[in-house]
């Protein structure tokens, strides 16, 4: 059901979608199953398993662009915000009064330990 965009027919095309994307190594062995619904936790789990780090804004941008490509989201221009030494909010955006961001939690070595999509009402105070 998916086709390349007009004028892009000769470019490499990754067709993610449906319920899962299967990630295989160059030998065709299954490396991971990435679930396409919910809070996108499985992408963070995959990055954690592969010991991916976010040490700079450039790393954050690369991780975010990978997310957008995998899930076929047109959100690459949404910013990455470094909240602390161990937390990044990627894809920060507010739509219809709801604040969305994909929160990446890092360990002390800057390796991804988890990632999860959040949606907050910016007008409502956060619980303590």
Foldseek 3Di string as FASTA:
>chain_A
DDDDDPPCNPPDADDADDQWDFDADPVRHTDAIFGQDDFRFRLLVSQLVVQQFDDDQVSLLVSLVVVCRNNVHPQSPQGWADPDLFWIWHSFDADPQKTKTWIFGADPVRTTPTITIDIHRVVDDDDD
